[in-house]
Amino acid sequence: MICPGMKSKHIYTTQVIWSGNSGTGTKDYRSYSRSHQIKSRNKPTIFCSSDPLFIGDADKYNPEELFLASLSSCHMLWYLHLCSENNIVVVSYRDEPTGIMREEKNGGGHFEVEVLQP
């Protein structure tokens, strides 16, 4: 969505809805599921969880995978744009990004490295 009168600002909205209450809420670290959904108007729901290392569901996307996918998608779309503007014809594109996240002693963490491999 573009703000009226402002061509350089865009507003994006989504919903993140936790669905992992097993009846006792977050009573303790193992008492709840990490299941949640990402929703955006008129689009399919994305079913997510945490990484299995953090008691998540391996069959669902986790935030770390989505973060890497977001970086890769943004890079790809900009690359394709630049190619189209410079008469370079691209007929295929694939990336296999990798990220390294460091977990801290307090349970937090951060990505140290993200590598795109188009």
PDB file of N, CA and C in Angstrom:
ATOM      1  N   MET A   1       0.837  -1.165   0.000  1.00  0.00           N
ATOM      2  CA  MET A   1       0.000   0.000   0.000  1.00  0.00           C
ATOM      3  C   MET A   1       0.887   1.234   0.000  1.00  0.00           C
ATOM      4  N   ILE A   2       0.605   2.186  -0.850  1.00  0.00           N
ATOM      5  CA  ILE A   2       1.368   3.423  -0.916  1.00  0.00           C
ATOM      6  C   ILE A   2       0.587   4.514  -0.202  1.00  0.00           C
ATOM      7  N   CYS A   3       1.266   5.250   0.681  1.00  0.00           N
ATOM      8  CA  CYS A   3       0.618   6.354   1.382  1.00  0.00           C
ATOM      9  C   CYS A   3       0.269   7.454   0.386  1.00  0.00           C
ATOM     10  N   PRO A   4      -0.926   8.043   0.471  1.00  0.00           N
ATOM     11  CA  PRO A   4      -1.305   9.120  -0.437  1.00  0.00           C
ATOM     12  C   PRO A   4      -0.286  10.261  -0.385  1.00  0.00           C
ATOM     13  N   GLY A   5       0.139  10.720  -1.552  1.00  0.00           N
ATOM     14  CA  GLY A   5       1.079  11.825  -1.632  1.00  0.00           C
ATOM     15  C   GLY A   5       2.523  11.470  -1.341  1.00  0.00           C
ATOM     16  N   MET A   6       2.802  10.228  -1.028  1.00  0.00           N
ATOM     17  CA  MET A   6       4.170   9.821  -0.706  1.00  0.00           C
ATOM     18  C   MET A   6       4.526   8.601  -1.533  1.00  0.00           C
ATOM     19  N   LYS A   7       5.318   8.798  -2.547  1.00  0.00           N
ATOM     20  CA  LYS A   7       5.677   7.685  -3.412  1.00  0.00           C
ATOM     21  C   LYS A   7       6.830   6.867  -2.870  1.00  0.00           C
ATOM     22  N   SER A   8       7.499   7.346  -1.815  1.00  0.00           N
ATOM     23  CA  SER A   8       8.659   6.625  -1.318  1.00  0.00           C
ATOM     24  C   SER A   8       8.399   5.841  -0.034  1.00  0.00           C
ATOM     25  N   LYS A   9       7.184   5.864   0.479  1.00  0.00           N
ATOM     26  CA  LYS A   9       6.874   5.099   1.679  1.00  0.00           C
ATOM     27  C   LYS A   9       5.795   4.075   1.368  1.00  0.00           C
ATOM     28  N   HIS A  10       5.976   2.897   1.896  1.00  0.00           N
ATOM     29  CA  HIS A  10       5.021   1.810   1.710  1.00  0.00           C
ATOM     30  C   HIS A  10       4.687   1.241   3.083  1.00  0.00           C
ATOM     31  N   ILE A  11       3.457   0.881   3.286  1.00  0.00           N
ATOM     32  CA  ILE A  11       3.030   0.300   4.553  1.00  0.00           C
ATOM     33  C   ILE A  11       2.622  -1.150   4.303  1.00  0.00           C
ATOM     34  N   TYR A  12       3.169  -2.046   5.108  1.00  0.00           N
ATOM     35  CA  TYR A  12       2.842  -3.463   5.005  1.00  0.00           C
ATOM     36  C   TYR A  12       2.286  -3.919   6.344  1.00  0.00           C
ATOM     37  N   THR A  13       1.281  -4.763   6.301  1.00  0.00           N
ATOM     38  CA  THR A  13       0.727  -5.301   7.532  1.00  0.00           C
ATOM     39  C   THR A  13       0.567  -6.812   7.413  1.00  0.00           C
ATOM     40  N   THR A  14       0.766  -7.462   8.527  1.00  0.00           N
ATOM     41  CA  THR A  14       0.503  -8.896   8.634  1.00  0.00           C
ATOM     42  C   THR A  14      -0.056  -9.145  10.025  1.00  0.00           C
ATOM     43  N   GLN A  15      -0.508 -10.338  10.242  1.00  0.00           N
ATOM     44  CA  GLN A  15      -0.919 -10.785  11.567  1.00  0.00           C
ATOM     45  C   GLN A  15      -0.084 -12.001  11.916  1.00  0.00           C
ATOM     46  N   VAL A  16       0.407 -12.044  13.134  1.00  0.00           N
ATOM     47  CA  VAL A  16       1.062 -13.231  13.663  1.00  0.00           C
ATOM     48  C   VAL A  16       0.213 -13.669  14.850  1.00  0.00           C
ATOM     49  N   ILE A  17      -0.315 -14.892  14.754  1.00  0.00           N
ATOM     50  CA  ILE A  17      -1.265 -15.376  15.753  1.00  0.00           C
ATOM     51  C   ILE A  17      -0.736 -16.666  16.369  1.00  0.00           C
ATOM     52  N   TRP A  18      -0.493 -16.634  17.667  1.00  0.00           N
ATOM     53  CA  TRP A  18      -0.024 -17.818  18.387  1.00  0.00           C
ATOM     54  C   TRP A  18      -1.196 -18.759  18.611  1.00  0.00           C
ATOM     55  N   SER A  19      -1.000 -20.017  18.300  1.00  0.00           N
ATOM     56  CA  SER A  19      -2.057 -21.019  18.467  1.00  0.00           C
ATOM     57  C   SER A  19      -1.595 -22.180  19.346  1.00  0.00           C
ATOM     58  N   GLY A  20      -0.563 -21.941  20.131  1.00  0.00           N
ATOM     59  CA  GLY A  20       0.064 -23.035  20.865  1.00  0.00           C
ATOM     60  C   GLY A  20      -0.322 -23.197  22.315  1.00  0.00           C
ATOM     61  N   ASN A  21      -1.401 -22.565  22.770  1.00  0.00           N
ATOM     62  CA  ASN A  21      -1.825 -22.747  24.156  1.00  0.00           C
ATOM     63  C   ASN A  21      -2.428 -24.135  24.311  1.00  0.00           C
ATOM     64  N   SER A  22      -1.789 -24.964  25.117  1.00  0.00           N
ATOM     65  CA  SER A  22      -2.272 -26.335  25.350  1.00  0.00           C
ATOM     66  C   SER A  22      -3.202 -26.428  26.544  1.00  0.00           C
ATOM     67  N   GLY A  23      -3.633 -25.288  27.067  1.00  0.00           N
ATOM     68  CA  GLY A  23      -4.544 -25.272  28.199  1.00  0.00           C
ATOM     69  C   GLY A  23      -3.960 -24.627  29.440  1.00  0.00           C
ATOM     70  N   THR A  24      -2.631 -24.558  29.499  1.00  0.00           N
ATOM     71  CA  THR A  24      -1.993 -23.942  30.668  1.00  0.00           C
ATOM     72  C   THR A  24      -1.150 -22.731  30.279  1.00  0.00           C
ATOM     73  N   GLY A  25      -1.282 -22.283  29.052  1.00  0.00           N
ATOM     74  CA  GLY A  25      -0.510 -21.125  28.600  1.00  0.00           C
ATOM     75  C   GLY A  25       0.983 -21.374  28.695  1.00  0.00           C
ATOM     76  N   THR A  26       1.709 -20.369  29.107  1.00  0.00           N
ATOM     77  CA  THR A  26       3.166 -20.478  29.207  1.00  0.00           C
ATOM     78  C   THR A  26       3.599 -20.770  30.642  1.00  0.00           C
ATOM     79  N   LYS A  27       2.914 -21.717  31.255  1.00  0.00           N
ATOM     80  CA  LYS A  27       3.203 -22.115  32.640  1.00  0.00           C
ATOM     81  C   LYS A  27       4.682 -22.424  32.829  1.00  0.00           C
ATOM     82  N   ASP A  28       5.283 -23.152  31.888  1.00  0.00           N
ATOM     83  CA  ASP A  28       6.714 -23.399  31.882  1.00  0.00           C
ATOM     84  C   ASP A  28       7.158 -23.596  30.434  1.00  0.00           C
ATOM     85  N   TYR A  29       8.462 -23.698  30.240  1.00  0.00           N
ATOM     86  CA  TYR A  29       9.038 -23.711  28.888  1.00  0.00           C
ATOM     87  C   TYR A  29       8.519 -24.853  28.013  1.00  0.00           C
ATOM     88  N   ARG A  30       8.170 -25.965  28.604  1.00  0.00           N
ATOM     89  CA  ARG A  30       7.706 -27.117  27.831  1.00  0.00           C
ATOM     90  C   ARG A  30       6.183 -27.253  27.812  1.00  0.00           C
ATOM     91  N   SER A  31       5.476 -26.325  28.407  1.00  0.00           N
ATOM     92  CA  SER A  31       4.017 -26.464  28.536  1.00  0.00           C
ATOM     93  C   SER A  31       3.227 -25.941  27.346  1.00  0.00           C
ATOM     94  N   TYR A  32       3.888 -25.347  26.379  1.00  0.00           N
ATOM     95  CA  TYR A  32       3.160 -24.751  25.260  1.00  0.00           C
ATOM     96  C   TYR A  32       3.818 -25.097  23.929  1.00  0.00           C
ATOM     97  N   SER A  33       3.009 -25.075  22.900  1.00  0.00           N
ATOM     98  CA  SER A  33       3.486 -25.307  21.544  1.00  0.00           C
ATOM     99  C   SER A  33       3.956 -23.985  20.952  1.00  0.00           C
ATOM    100  N   ARG A  34       4.898 -24.062  20.058  1.00  0.00           N
ATOM    101  CA  ARG A  34       5.411 -22.863  19.389  1.00  0.00           C
ATOM    102  C   ARG A  34       4.637 -22.565  18.102  1.00  0.00           C
ATOM    103  N   SER A  35       3.562 -23.288  17.873  1.00  0.00           N
ATOM    104  CA  SER A  35       2.777 -23.123  16.641  1.00  0.00           C
ATOM    105  C   SER A  35       2.158 -21.730  16.558  1.00  0.00           C
ATOM    106  N   HIS A  36       2.238 -21.171  15.370  1.00  0.00           N
ATOM    107  CA  HIS A  36       1.616 -19.882  15.098  1.00  0.00           C
ATOM    108  C   HIS A  36       1.373 -19.751  13.599  1.00  0.00           C
ATOM    109  N   GLN A  37       0.580 -18.776  13.240  1.00  0.00           N
ATOM    110  CA  GLN A  37       0.283 -18.535  11.827  1.00  0.00           C
ATOM    111  C   GLN A  37       0.652 -17.100  11.474  1.00  0.00           C
ATOM    112  N   ILE A  38       1.047 -16.944  10.215  1.00  0.00           N
ATOM    113  CA  ILE A  38       1.255 -15.616   9.655  1.00  0.00           C
ATOM    114  C   ILE A  38       0.163 -15.420   8.625  1.00  0.00           C
ATOM    115  N   LYS A  39      -0.563 -14.320   8.772  1.00  0.00           N
ATOM    116  CA  LYS A  39      -1.667 -14.041   7.860  1.00  0.00           C
ATOM    117  C   LYS A  39      -1.506 -12.652   7.265  1.00  0.00           C
ATOM    118  N   SER A  40      -1.972 -12.529   6.053  1.00  0.00           N
ATOM    119  CA  SER A  40      -2.042 -11.244   5.379  1.00  0.00           C
ATOM    120  C   SER A  40      -3.285 -11.278   4.512  1.00  0.00           C
ATOM    121  N   ARG A  41      -3.956 -10.174   4.411  1.00  0.00           N
ATOM    122  CA  ARG A  41      -5.242 -10.107   3.729  1.00  0.00           C
ATOM    123  C   ARG A  41      -5.223 -10.768   2.347  1.00  0.00           C
ATOM    124  N   ASN A  42      -6.194 -11.634   2.115  1.00  0.00           N
ATOM    125  CA  ASN A  42      -6.419 -12.307   0.825  1.00  0.00           C
ATOM    126  C   ASN A  42      -5.251 -13.177   0.365  1.00  0.00           C
ATOM    127  N   LYS A  43      -4.485 -13.713   1.321  1.00  0.00           N
ATOM    128  CA  LYS A  43      -3.367 -14.597   0.978  1.00  0.00           C
ATOM    129  C   LYS A  43      -3.449 -15.849   1.837  1.00  0.00           C
ATOM    130  N   PRO A  44      -2.847 -16.935   1.366  1.00  0.00           N
ATOM    131  CA  PRO A  44      -2.860 -18.158   2.177  1.00  0.00           C
ATOM    132  C   PRO A  44      -2.119 -17.961   3.500  1.00  0.00           C
ATOM    133  N   THR A  45      -2.562 -18.648   4.505  1.00  0.00           N
ATOM    134  CA  THR A  45      -1.918 -18.631   5.811  1.00  0.00           C
ATOM    135  C   THR A  45      -0.615 -19.421   5.746  1.00  0.00           C
ATOM    136  N   ILE A  46       0.414 -18.903   6.428  1.00  0.00           N
ATOM    137  CA  ILE A  46       1.686 -19.617   6.560  1.00  0.00           C
ATOM    138  C   ILE A  46       1.720 -20.196   7.970  1.00  0.00           C
ATOM    139  N   PHE A  47       1.838 -21.508   8.066  1.00  0.00           N
ATOM    140  CA  PHE A  47       1.864 -22.179   9.365  1.00  0.00           C
ATOM    141  C   PHE A  47       3.314 -22.312   9.822  1.00  0.00           C
ATOM    142  N   CYS A  48       3.585 -21.823  11.015  1.00  0.00           N
ATOM    143  CA  CYS A  48       4.960 -21.724  11.510  1.00  0.00           C
ATOM    144  C   CYS A  48       5.104 -22.336  12.896  1.00  0.00           C
ATOM    145  N   SER A  49       6.347 -22.486  13.273  1.00  0.00           N
ATOM    146  CA  SER A  49       6.712 -22.931  14.604  1.00  0.00           C
ATOM    147  C   SER A  49       8.130 -22.440  14.844  1.00  0.00           C
ATOM    148  N   SER A  50       8.707 -22.821  15.951  1.00  0.00           N
ATOM    149  CA  SER A  50      10.124 -22.520  16.159  1.00  0.00           C
ATOM    150  C   SER A  50      10.950 -23.672  15.587  1.00  0.00           C
ATOM    151  N   ASP A  51      12.237 -23.479  15.534  1.00  0.00           N
ATOM    152  CA  ASP A  51      13.164 -24.527  15.123  1.00  0.00           C
ATOM    153  C   ASP A  51      13.009 -25.704  16.088  1.00  0.00           C
ATOM    154  N   PRO A  52      13.126 -26.940  15.609  1.00  0.00           N
ATOM    155  CA  PRO A  52      13.020 -28.099  16.502  1.00  0.00           C
ATOM    156  C   PRO A  52      13.990 -28.045  17.696  1.00  0.00           C
ATOM    157  N   LEU A  53      15.117 -27.365  17.540  1.00  0.00           N
ATOM    158  CA  LEU A  53      16.051 -27.214  18.659  1.00  0.00           C
ATOM    159  C   LEU A  53      15.442 -26.418  19.808  1.00  0.00           C
ATOM    160  N   PHE A  54      14.384 -25.652  19.496  1.00  0.00           N
ATOM    161  CA  PHE A  54      13.687 -24.857  20.506  1.00  0.00           C
ATOM    162  C   PHE A  54      12.265 -25.376  20.702  1.00  0.00           C
ATOM    163  N   ILE A  55      12.122 -26.694  20.642  1.00  0.00           N
ATOM    164  CA  ILE A  55      10.854 -27.399  20.861  1.00  0.00           C
ATOM    165  C   ILE A  55       9.816 -27.036  19.799  1.00  0.00           C
ATOM    166  N   GLY A  56      10.251 -26.869  18.575  1.00  0.00           N
ATOM    167  CA  GLY A  56       9.342 -26.532  17.492  1.00  0.00           C
ATOM    168  C   GLY A  56       8.992 -27.727  16.631  1.00  0.00           C
ATOM    169  N   ASP A  57       8.129 -27.490  15.672  1.00  0.00           N
ATOM    170  CA  ASP A  57       7.634 -28.500  14.743  1.00  0.00           C
ATOM    171  C   ASP A  57       8.454 -28.437  13.458  1.00  0.00           C
ATOM    172  N   ALA A  58       9.188 -29.500  13.172  1.00  0.00           N
ATOM    173  CA  ALA A  58      10.068 -29.548  11.998  1.00  0.00           C
ATOM    174  C   ALA A  58       9.311 -29.471  10.683  1.00  0.00           C
ATOM    175  N   ASP A  59       8.010 -29.743  10.692  1.00  0.00           N
ATOM    176  CA  ASP A  59       7.214 -29.710   9.462  1.00  0.00           C
ATOM    177  C   ASP A  59       6.715 -28.313   9.116  1.00  0.00           C
ATOM    178  N   LYS A  60       6.995 -27.335   9.965  1.00  0.00           N
ATOM    179  CA  LYS A  60       6.537 -25.965   9.721  1.00  0.00           C
ATOM    180  C   LYS A  60       7.737 -25.041   9.549  1.00  0.00           C
ATOM    181  N   TYR A  61       7.525 -23.942   8.810  1.00  0.00           N
ATOM    182  CA  TYR A  61       8.576 -22.945   8.669  1.00  0.00           C
ATOM    183  C   TYR A  61       8.870 -22.307  10.015  1.00  0.00           C
ATOM    184  N   ASN A  62      10.144 -22.000  10.249  1.00  0.00           N
ATOM    185  CA  ASN A  62      10.506 -21.287  11.465  1.00  0.00           C
ATOM    186  C   ASN A  62      10.977 -19.880  11.093  1.00  0.00           C
ATOM    187  N   PRO A  63      11.039 -18.962  12.054  1.00  0.00           N
ATOM    188  CA  PRO A  63      11.410 -17.581  11.748  1.00  0.00           C
ATOM    189  C   PRO A  63      12.779 -17.450  11.085  1.00  0.00           C
ATOM    190  N   GLU A  64      13.710 -18.301  11.442  1.00  0.00           N
ATOM    191  CA  GLU A  64      15.045 -18.228  10.854  1.00  0.00           C
ATOM    192  C   GLU A  64      15.004 -18.552   9.362  1.00  0.00           C
ATOM    193  N   GLU A  65      14.238 -19.572   8.983  1.00  0.00           N
ATOM    194  CA  GLU A  65      14.084 -19.909   7.561  1.00  0.00           C
ATOM    195  C   GLU A  65      13.400 -18.772   6.810  1.00  0.00           C
ATOM    196  N   LEU A  66      12.377 -18.197   7.422  1.00  0.00           N
ATOM    197  CA  LEU A  66      11.654 -17.101   6.776  1.00  0.00           C
ATOM    198  C   LEU A  66      12.523 -15.858   6.628  1.00  0.00           C
ATOM    199  N   PHE A  67      13.383 -15.614   7.607  1.00  0.00           N
ATOM    200  CA  PHE A  67      14.317 -14.492   7.525  1.00  0.00           C
ATOM    201  C   PHE A  67      15.251 -14.655   6.336  1.00  0.00           C
ATOM    202  N   LEU A  68      15.847 -15.845   6.199  1.00  0.00           N
ATOM    203  CA  LEU A  68      16.741 -16.104   5.065  1.00  0.00           C
ATOM    204  C   LEU A  68      15.995 -16.022   3.738  1.00  0.00           C
ATOM    205  N   ALA A  69      14.784 -16.559   3.696  1.00  0.00           N
ATOM    206  CA  ALA A  69      13.982 -16.495   2.472  1.00  0.00           C
ATOM    207  C   ALA A  69      13.664 -15.052   2.098  1.00  0.00           C
ATOM    208  N   SER A  70      13.399 -14.219   3.093  1.00  0.00           N
ATOM    209  CA  SER A  70      13.112 -12.814   2.849  1.00  0.00           C
ATOM    210  C   SER A  70      14.326 -12.096   2.251  1.00  0.00           C
ATOM    211  N   LEU A  71      15.498 -12.316   2.826  1.00  0.00           N
ATOM    212  CA  LEU A  71      16.717 -11.710   2.287  1.00  0.00           C
ATOM    213  C   LEU A  71      16.958 -12.164   0.849  1.00  0.00           C
ATOM    214  N   SER A  72      16.813 -13.457   0.620  1.00  0.00           N
ATOM    215  CA  SER A  72      17.054 -14.018  -0.707  1.00  0.00           C
ATOM    216  C   SER A  72      16.050 -13.491  -1.728  1.00  0.00           C
ATOM    217  N   SER A  73      14.775 -13.428  -1.349  1.00  0.00           N
ATOM    218  CA  SER A  73      13.739 -12.935  -2.264  1.00  0.00           C
ATOM    219  C   SER A  73      13.984 -11.483  -2.636  1.00  0.00           C
ATOM    220  N   CYS A  74      14.334 -10.669  -1.651  1.00  0.00           N
ATOM    221  CA  CYS A  74      14.597  -9.255  -1.903  1.00  0.00           C
ATOM    222  C   CYS A  74      15.779  -9.102  -2.871  1.00  0.00           C
ATOM    223  N   HIS A  75      16.847  -9.836  -2.618  1.00  0.00           N
ATOM    224  CA  HIS A  75      18.021  -9.780  -3.491  1.00  0.00           C
ATOM    225  C   HIS A  75      17.670 -10.215  -4.908  1.00  0.00           C
ATOM    226  N   MET A  76      16.940 -11.329  -5.038  1.00  0.00           N
ATOM    227  CA  MET A  76      16.568 -11.846  -6.354  1.00  0.00           C
ATOM    228  C   MET A  76      15.745 -10.831  -7.133  1.00  0.00           C
ATOM    229  N   LEU A  77      14.738 -10.255  -6.480  1.00  0.00           N
ATOM    230  CA  LEU A  77      13.858  -9.321  -7.182  1.00  0.00           C
ATOM    231  C   LEU A  77      14.615  -8.074  -7.620  1.00  0.00           C
ATOM    232  N   TRP A  78      15.543  -7.600  -6.802  1.00  0.00           N
ATOM    233  CA  TRP A  78      16.340  -6.441  -7.207  1.00  0.00           C
ATOM    234  C   TRP A  78      17.268  -6.809  -8.370  1.00  0.00           C
ATOM    235  N   TYR A  79      17.873  -7.984  -8.316  1.00  0.00           N
ATOM    236  CA  TYR A  79      18.738  -8.454  -9.404  1.00  0.00           C
ATOM    237  C   TYR A  79      17.952  -8.556 -10.710  1.00  0.00           C
ATOM    238  N   LEU A  80      16.779  -9.163 -10.663  1.00  0.00           N
ATOM    239  CA  LEU A  80      15.960  -9.287 -11.873  1.00  0.00           C
ATOM    240  C   LEU A  80      15.573  -7.908 -12.412  1.00  0.00           C
ATOM    241  N   HIS A  81      15.260  -6.983 -11.526  1.00  0.00           N
ATOM    242  CA  HIS A  81      14.942  -5.612 -11.938  1.00  0.00           C
ATOM    243  C   HIS A  81      16.134  -4.989 -12.664  1.00  0.00           C
ATOM    244  N   LEU A  82      17.321  -5.093 -12.051  1.00  0.00           N
ATOM    245  CA  LEU A  82      18.508  -4.509 -12.675  1.00  0.00           C
ATOM    246  C   LEU A  82      18.792  -5.134 -14.037  1.00  0.00           C
ATOM    247  N   CYS A  83      18.619  -6.436 -14.134  1.00  0.00           N
ATOM    248  CA  CYS A  83      18.835  -7.106 -15.424  1.00  0.00           C
ATOM    249  C   CYS A  83      17.844  -6.610 -16.469  1.00  0.00           C
ATOM    250  N   SER A  84      16.583  -6.495 -16.085  1.00  0.00           N
ATOM    251  CA  SER A  84      15.568  -6.053 -17.057  1.00  0.00           C
ATOM    252  C   SER A  84      15.829  -4.624 -17.516  1.00  0.00           C
ATOM    253  N   GLU A  85      16.349  -3.794 -16.640  1.00  0.00           N
ATOM    254  CA  GLU A  85      16.658  -2.404 -16.994  1.00  0.00           C
ATOM    255  C   GLU A  85      17.903  -2.288 -17.862  1.00  0.00           C
ATOM    256  N   ASN A  86      18.726  -3.318 -17.889  1.00  0.00           N
ATOM    257  CA  ASN A  86      19.992  -3.272 -18.629  1.00  0.00           C
ATOM    258  C   ASN A  86      20.060  -4.292 -19.759  1.00  0.00           C
ATOM    259  N   ASN A  87      18.891  -4.710 -20.241  1.00  0.00           N
ATOM    260  CA  ASN A  87      18.791  -5.634 -21.384  1.00  0.00           C
ATOM    261  C   ASN A  87      19.540  -6.947 -21.178  1.00  0.00           C
ATOM    262  N   ILE A  88      19.552  -7.428 -19.952  1.00  0.00           N
ATOM    263  CA  ILE A  88      20.135  -8.732 -19.652  1.00  0.00           C
ATOM    264  C   ILE A  88      18.959  -9.677 -19.419  1.00  0.00           C
ATOM    265  N   VAL A  89      18.886 -10.734 -20.225  1.00  0.00           N
ATOM    266  CA  VAL A  89      17.757 -11.657 -20.146  1.00  0.00           C
ATOM    267  C   VAL A  89      18.096 -12.798 -19.189  1.00  0.00           C
ATOM    268  N   VAL A  90      17.323 -12.913 -18.130  1.00  0.00           N
ATOM    269  CA  VAL A  90      17.469 -14.001 -17.161  1.00  0.00           C
ATOM    270  C   VAL A  90      16.308 -14.963 -17.397  1.00  0.00           C
ATOM    271  N   VAL A  91      16.598 -16.229 -17.531  1.00  0.00           N
ATOM    272  CA  VAL A  91      15.537 -17.210 -17.778  1.00  0.00           C
ATOM    273  C   VAL A  91      15.356 -18.174 -16.610  1.00  0.00           C
ATOM    274  N   SER A  92      16.247 -18.094 -15.624  1.00  0.00           N
ATOM    275  CA  SER A  92      16.141 -18.970 -14.465  1.00  0.00           C
ATOM    276  C   SER A  92      16.929 -18.340 -13.322  1.00  0.00           C
ATOM    277  N   TYR A  93      16.496 -18.624 -12.109  1.00  0.00           N
ATOM    278  CA  TYR A  93      17.203 -18.098 -10.936  1.00  0.00           C
ATOM    279  C   TYR A  93      16.930 -19.044  -9.774  1.00  0.00           C
ATOM    280  N   ARG A  94      17.965 -19.322  -9.026  1.00  0.00           N
ATOM    281  CA  ARG A  94      17.819 -20.167  -7.843  1.00  0.00           C
ATOM    282  C   ARG A  94      18.845 -19.709  -6.821  1.00  0.00           C
ATOM    283  N   ASP A  95      18.464 -19.686  -5.586  1.00  0.00           N
ATOM    284  CA  ASP A  95      19.381 -19.326  -4.508  1.00  0.00           C
ATOM    285  C   ASP A  95      19.210 -20.351  -3.389  1.00  0.00           C
ATOM    286  N   GLU A  96      20.290 -20.646  -2.718  1.00  0.00           N
ATOM    287  CA  GLU A  96      20.257 -21.538  -1.561  1.00  0.00           C
ATOM    288  C   GLU A  96      20.976 -20.841  -0.417  1.00  0.00           C
ATOM    289  N   PRO A  97      20.279 -19.870   0.205  1.00  0.00           N
ATOM    290  CA  PRO A  97      20.930 -19.092   1.255  1.00  0.00           C
ATOM    291  C   PRO A  97      21.208 -19.920   2.511  1.00  0.00           C
ATOM    292  N   THR A  98      22.238 -19.512   3.214  1.00  0.00           N
ATOM    293  CA  THR A  98      22.628 -20.151   4.456  1.00  0.00           C
ATOM    294  C   THR A  98      22.833 -19.075   5.512  1.00  0.00           C
ATOM    295  N   GLY A  99      22.448 -19.359   6.727  1.00  0.00           N
ATOM    296  CA  GLY A  99      22.665 -18.425   7.816  1.00  0.00           C
ATOM    297  C   GLY A  99      23.234 -19.136   9.022  1.00  0.00           C
ATOM    298  N   ILE A 100      24.012 -18.403   9.796  1.00  0.00           N
ATOM    299  CA  ILE A 100      24.560 -18.939  11.039  1.00  0.00           C
ATOM    300  C   ILE A 100      24.034 -18.074  12.172  1.00  0.00           C
ATOM    301  N   MET A 101      23.313 -18.714  13.087  1.00  0.00           N
ATOM    302  CA  MET A 101      22.770 -18.008  14.232  1.00  0.00           C
ATOM    303  C   MET A 101      23.508 -18.452  15.485  1.00  0.00           C
ATOM    304  N   ARG A 102      23.933 -17.488  16.263  1.00  0.00           N
ATOM    305  CA  ARG A 102      24.601 -17.791  17.528  1.00  0.00           C
ATOM    306  C   ARG A 102      23.582 -17.686  18.653  1.00  0.00           C
ATOM    307  N   GLU A 103      23.461 -18.762  19.409  1.00  0.00           N
ATOM    308  CA  GLU A 103      22.570 -18.770  20.565  1.00  0.00           C
ATOM    309  C   GLU A 103      23.359 -18.307  21.786  1.00  0.00           C
ATOM    310  N   GLU A 104      22.773 -17.402  22.536  1.00  0.00           N
ATOM    311  CA  GLU A 104      23.416 -16.868  23.735  1.00  0.00           C
ATOM    312  C   GLU A 104      23.044 -17.716  24.958  1.00  0.00           C
ATOM    313  N   LYS A 105      23.788 -17.594  26.014  1.00  0.00           N
ATOM    314  CA  LYS A 105      23.540 -18.355  27.239  1.00  0.00           C
ATOM    315  C   LYS A 105      22.173 -18.058  27.835  1.00  0.00           C
ATOM    316  N   ASN A 106      21.675 -16.828  27.626  1.00  0.00           N
ATOM    317  CA  ASN A 106      20.377 -16.439  28.190  1.00  0.00           C
ATOM    318  C   ASN A 106      19.201 -16.900  27.333  1.00  0.00           C
ATOM    319  N   GLY A 107      19.479 -17.630  26.240  1.00  0.00           N
ATOM    320  CA  GLY A 107      18.418 -18.135  25.372  1.00  0.00           C
ATOM    321  C   GLY A 107      18.160 -17.282  24.149  1.00  0.00           C
ATOM    322  N   GLY A 108      18.664 -16.052  24.145  1.00  0.00           N
ATOM    323  CA  GLY A 108      18.521 -15.191  22.970  1.00  0.00           C
ATOM    324  C   GLY A 108      19.485 -15.625  21.880  1.00  0.00           C
ATOM    325  N   GLY A 109      19.437 -14.946  20.788  1.00  0.00           N
ATOM    326  CA  GLY A 109      20.352 -15.273  19.713  1.00  0.00           C
ATOM    327  C   GLY A 109      20.318 -14.221  18.627  1.00  0.00           C
ATOM    328  N   HIS A 110      21.279 -14.321  17.730  1.00  0.00           N
ATOM    329  CA  HIS A 110      21.321 -13.414  16.591  1.00  0.00           C
ATOM    330  C   HIS A 110      22.088 -14.067  15.447  1.00  0.00           C
ATOM    331  N   PHE A 111      21.763 -13.633  14.240  1.00  0.00           N
ATOM    332  CA  PHE A 111      22.484 -14.132  13.078  1.00  0.00           C
ATOM    333  C   PHE A 111      23.837 -13.439  13.013  1.00  0.00           C
ATOM    334  N   GLU A 112      24.876 -14.226  12.840  1.00  0.00           N
ATOM    335  CA  GLU A 112      26.229 -13.696  12.656  1.00  0.00           C
ATOM    336  C   GLU A 112      26.549 -13.540  11.177  1.00  0.00           C
ATOM    337  N   VAL A 113      26.018 -14.468  10.378  1.00  0.00           N
ATOM    338  CA  VAL A 113      26.349 -14.497   8.960  1.00  0.00           C
ATOM    339  C   VAL A 113      25.125 -14.924   8.178  1.00  0.00           C
ATOM    340  N   GLU A 114      24.872 -14.247   7.059  1.00  0.00           N
ATOM    341  CA  GLU A 114      23.886 -14.699   6.090  1.00  0.00           C
ATOM    342  C   GLU A 114      24.599 -14.707   4.735  1.00  0.00           C
ATOM    343  N   VAL A 115      24.556 -15.832   4.046  1.00  0.00           N
ATOM    344  CA  VAL A 115      25.237 -15.958   2.763  1.00  0.00           C
ATOM    345  C   VAL A 115      24.207 -16.326   1.706  1.00  0.00           C
ATOM    346  N   LEU A 116      24.092 -15.466   0.696  1.00  0.00           N
ATOM    347  CA  LEU A 116      23.240 -15.782  -0.452  1.00  0.00           C
ATOM    348  C   LEU A 116      24.101 -16.523  -1.464  1.00  0.00           C
ATOM    349  N   GLN A 117      23.522 -17.522  -2.113  1.00  0.00           N
ATOM    350  CA  GLN A 117      24.274 -18.344  -3.062  1.00  0.00           C
ATOM    351  C   GLN A 117      23.492 -18.522  -4.358  1.00  0.00           C
ATOM    352  N   PRO A 118      23.220 -17.386  -5.049  1.00  0.00           N
ATOM    353  CA  PRO A 118      22.431 -17.506  -6.289  1.00  0.00           C
ATOM    354  C   PRO A 118      23.208 -18.207  -7.387  1.00  0.00           C
TER     355      PRO A 118
END
